[in-house]
Amino acid sequence: MANIVSAKKRARQSLVRRDRNQQMKKAIRGLEKKVRNAISSKDKDAAASLLKDYSSAIDKAATKGKYHPKTASRKISRLTISMNKALNS
């Protein structure tokens, strides 16, 4: 454990940030799961609205630095492609 006051503060801050990051990533994973379930059940309207929410959330996370911007873009792109394949065929 740290002995210096500033090091103790940094340790506290890192724990708070870690919890916040984990909550955001967990919410995004939950949204992705909901989109995939809507795609597999062939519910086009629900899948489209959930995909919009998912892409908004992951873009916000990328803006805040929780995901790399290219990672966020790739995840959105792959999910959109899988939705279009499944629901338009």
C-alpha atoms as a PDB file:
ATOM      1  CA  MET A   1       0.000   0.000   0.000  1.00  0.00           C
ATOM      2  CA  ALA A   2       1.138   3.522  -0.711  1.00  0.00           C
ATOM      3  CA  ASN A   3       2.487   5.722   2.084  1.00  0.00           C
ATOM      4  CA  ILE A   4       2.520   9.089   0.352  1.00  0.00           C
ATOM      5  CA  VAL A   5      -0.708  11.097   0.372  1.00  0.00           C
ATOM      6  CA  SER A   6      -0.743  11.694  -3.382  1.00  0.00           C
ATOM      7  CA  ALA A   7      -0.099   7.996  -4.052  1.00  0.00           C
ATOM      8  CA  LYS A   8      -3.003   7.069  -1.763  1.00  0.00           C
ATOM      9  CA  LYS A   9      -5.240   9.487  -3.637  1.00  0.00           C
ATOM     10  CA  ARG A  10      -4.176   8.041  -7.020  1.00  0.00           C
ATOM     11  CA  ALA A  11      -4.970   4.540  -5.736  1.00  0.00           C
ATOM     12  CA  ARG A  12      -8.466   5.669  -4.686  1.00  0.00           C
ATOM     13  CA  GLN A  13      -9.015   7.402  -8.017  1.00  0.00           C
ATOM     14  CA  SER A  14      -7.924   4.364  -9.989  1.00  0.00           C
ATOM     15  CA  LEU A  15     -10.394   2.157  -8.103  1.00  0.00           C
ATOM     16  CA  VAL A  16     -13.256   4.577  -8.820  1.00  0.00           C
ATOM     17  CA  ARG A  17     -12.293   4.814 -12.501  1.00  0.00           C
ATOM     18  CA  ARG A  18     -11.959   1.033 -12.761  1.00  0.00           C
ATOM     19  CA  ASP A  19     -15.473   0.540 -11.376  1.00  0.00           C
ATOM     20  CA  ARG A  20     -16.875   3.179 -13.740  1.00  0.00           C
ATOM     21  CA  ASN A  21     -15.126   1.610 -16.738  1.00  0.00           C
ATOM     22  CA  GLN A  22     -16.360  -1.852 -15.826  1.00  0.00           C
ATOM     23  CA  GLN A  23     -19.951  -0.630 -15.469  1.00  0.00           C
ATOM     24  CA  MET A  24     -19.845   1.050 -18.872  1.00  0.00           C
ATOM     25  CA  LYS A  25     -18.318  -1.978 -20.601  1.00  0.00           C
ATOM     26  CA  LYS A  26     -20.782  -4.322 -18.887  1.00  0.00           C
ATOM     27  CA  ALA A  27     -23.712  -2.206 -20.087  1.00  0.00           C
ATOM     28  CA  ILE A  28     -22.327  -2.257 -23.636  1.00  0.00           C
ATOM     29  CA  ARG A  29     -21.911  -6.041 -23.555  1.00  0.00           C
ATOM     30  CA  GLY A  30     -25.525  -6.324 -22.356  1.00  0.00           C
ATOM     31  CA  LEU A  31     -26.738  -4.158 -25.219  1.00  0.00           C
ATOM     32  CA  GLU A  32     -24.772  -6.268 -27.694  1.00  0.00           C
ATOM     33  CA  LYS A  33     -26.361  -9.425 -26.307  1.00  0.00           C
ATOM     34  CA  LYS A  34     -29.847  -7.879 -26.659  1.00  0.00           C
ATOM     35  CA  VAL A  35     -29.129  -6.940 -30.286  1.00  0.00           C
ATOM     36  CA  ARG A  36     -27.879 -10.443 -31.073  1.00  0.00           C
ATOM     37  CA  ASN A  37     -30.973 -11.987 -29.454  1.00  0.00           C
ATOM     38  CA  ALA A  38     -33.255  -9.709 -31.481  1.00  0.00           C
ATOM     39  CA  ILE A  39     -31.374 -10.670 -34.657  1.00  0.00           C
ATOM     40  CA  SER A  40     -31.660 -14.373 -33.910  1.00  0.00           C
ATOM     41  CA  SER A  41     -35.392 -14.035 -33.235  1.00  0.00           C
ATOM     42  CA  LYS A  42     -35.822 -12.183 -36.571  1.00  0.00           C
ATOM     43  CA  ASP A  43     -37.333  -9.108 -34.888  1.00  0.00           C
ATOM     44  CA  LYS A  44     -36.310  -6.404 -37.351  1.00  0.00           C
ATOM     45  CA  ASP A  45     -37.758  -3.364 -35.559  1.00  0.00           C
ATOM     46  CA  ALA A  46     -36.349  -4.276 -32.158  1.00  0.00           C
ATOM     47  CA  ALA A  47     -32.965  -5.149 -33.642  1.00  0.00           C
ATOM     48  CA  ALA A  48     -32.768  -1.827 -35.478  1.00  0.00           C
ATOM     49  CA  SER A  49     -33.645   0.263 -32.421  1.00  0.00           C
ATOM     50  CA  LEU A  50     -31.328  -1.745 -30.155  1.00  0.00           C
ATOM     51  CA  LEU A  51     -28.509  -1.442 -32.680  1.00  0.00           C
ATOM     52  CA  LYS A  52     -28.976   2.332 -32.657  1.00  0.00           C
ATOM     53  CA  ASP A  53     -28.730   2.368 -28.845  1.00  0.00           C
ATOM     54  CA  TYR A  54     -25.700   0.049 -28.945  1.00  0.00           C
ATOM     55  CA  SER A  55     -23.824   2.141 -31.498  1.00  0.00           C
ATOM     56  CA  SER A  56     -24.560   5.315 -29.540  1.00  0.00           C
ATOM     57  CA  ALA A  57     -23.310   3.777 -26.291  1.00  0.00           C
ATOM     58  CA  ILE A  58     -20.131   2.340 -27.768  1.00  0.00           C
ATOM     59  CA  ASP A  59     -19.378   5.593 -29.599  1.00  0.00           C
ATOM     60  CA  LYS A  60     -19.729   7.472 -26.334  1.00  0.00           C
ATOM     61  CA  ALA A  61     -17.387   4.959 -24.657  1.00  0.00           C
ATOM     62  CA  ALA A  62     -14.861   5.407 -27.460  1.00  0.00           C
ATOM     63  CA  THR A  63     -15.068   9.184 -27.093  1.00  0.00           C
ATOM     64  CA  LYS A  64     -14.316   8.853 -23.389  1.00  0.00           C
ATOM     65  CA  GLY A  65     -11.395   6.513 -24.052  1.00  0.00           C
ATOM     66  CA  LYS A  66     -12.905   3.266 -22.755  1.00  0.00           C
ATOM     67  CA  TYR A  67     -12.557   1.682 -26.205  1.00  0.00           C
ATOM     68  CA  HIS A  68     -10.171   2.522 -29.012  1.00  0.00           C
ATOM     69  CA  PRO A  69     -12.123   4.337 -31.750  1.00  0.00           C
ATOM     70  CA  LYS A  70     -11.281   1.705 -34.362  1.00  0.00           C
ATOM     71  CA  THR A  71     -12.387  -1.070 -31.993  1.00  0.00           C
ATOM     72  CA  ALA A  72     -15.729   0.648 -31.492  1.00  0.00           C
ATOM     73  CA  SER A  73     -16.135   1.160 -35.228  1.00  0.00           C
ATOM     74  CA  ARG A  74     -15.283  -2.476 -35.932  1.00  0.00           C
ATOM     75  CA  LYS A  75     -17.783  -3.764 -33.364  1.00  0.00           C
ATOM     76  CA  ILE A  76     -20.573  -1.579 -34.758  1.00  0.00           C
ATOM     77  CA  SER A  77     -19.733  -2.561 -38.321  1.00  0.00           C
ATOM     78  CA  ARG A  78     -19.685  -6.294 -37.641  1.00  0.00           C
ATOM     79  CA  LEU A  79     -22.959  -6.197 -35.729  1.00  0.00           C
ATOM     80  CA  THR A  80     -24.614  -4.132 -38.473  1.00  0.00           C
ATOM     81  CA  ILE A  81     -23.405  -6.548 -41.148  1.00  0.00           C
ATOM     82  CA  SER A  82     -24.678  -9.546 -39.186  1.00  0.00           C
ATOM     83  CA  MET A  83     -28.062  -7.837 -38.719  1.00  0.00           C
ATOM     84  CA  ASN A  84     -28.366  -7.016 -42.418  1.00  0.00           C
ATOM     85  CA  LYS A  85     -27.389 -10.565 -43.409  1.00  0.00           C
ATOM     86  CA  ALA A  86     -29.804 -12.249 -41.043  1.00  0.00           C
ATOM     87  CA  LEU A  87     -32.824 -10.015 -41.545  1.00  0.00           C
ATOM     88  CA  ASN A  88     -32.579  -9.289 -45.273  1.00  0.00           C
ATOM     89  CA  SER A  89     -32.154 -12.845 -46.457  1.00  0.00           C
END
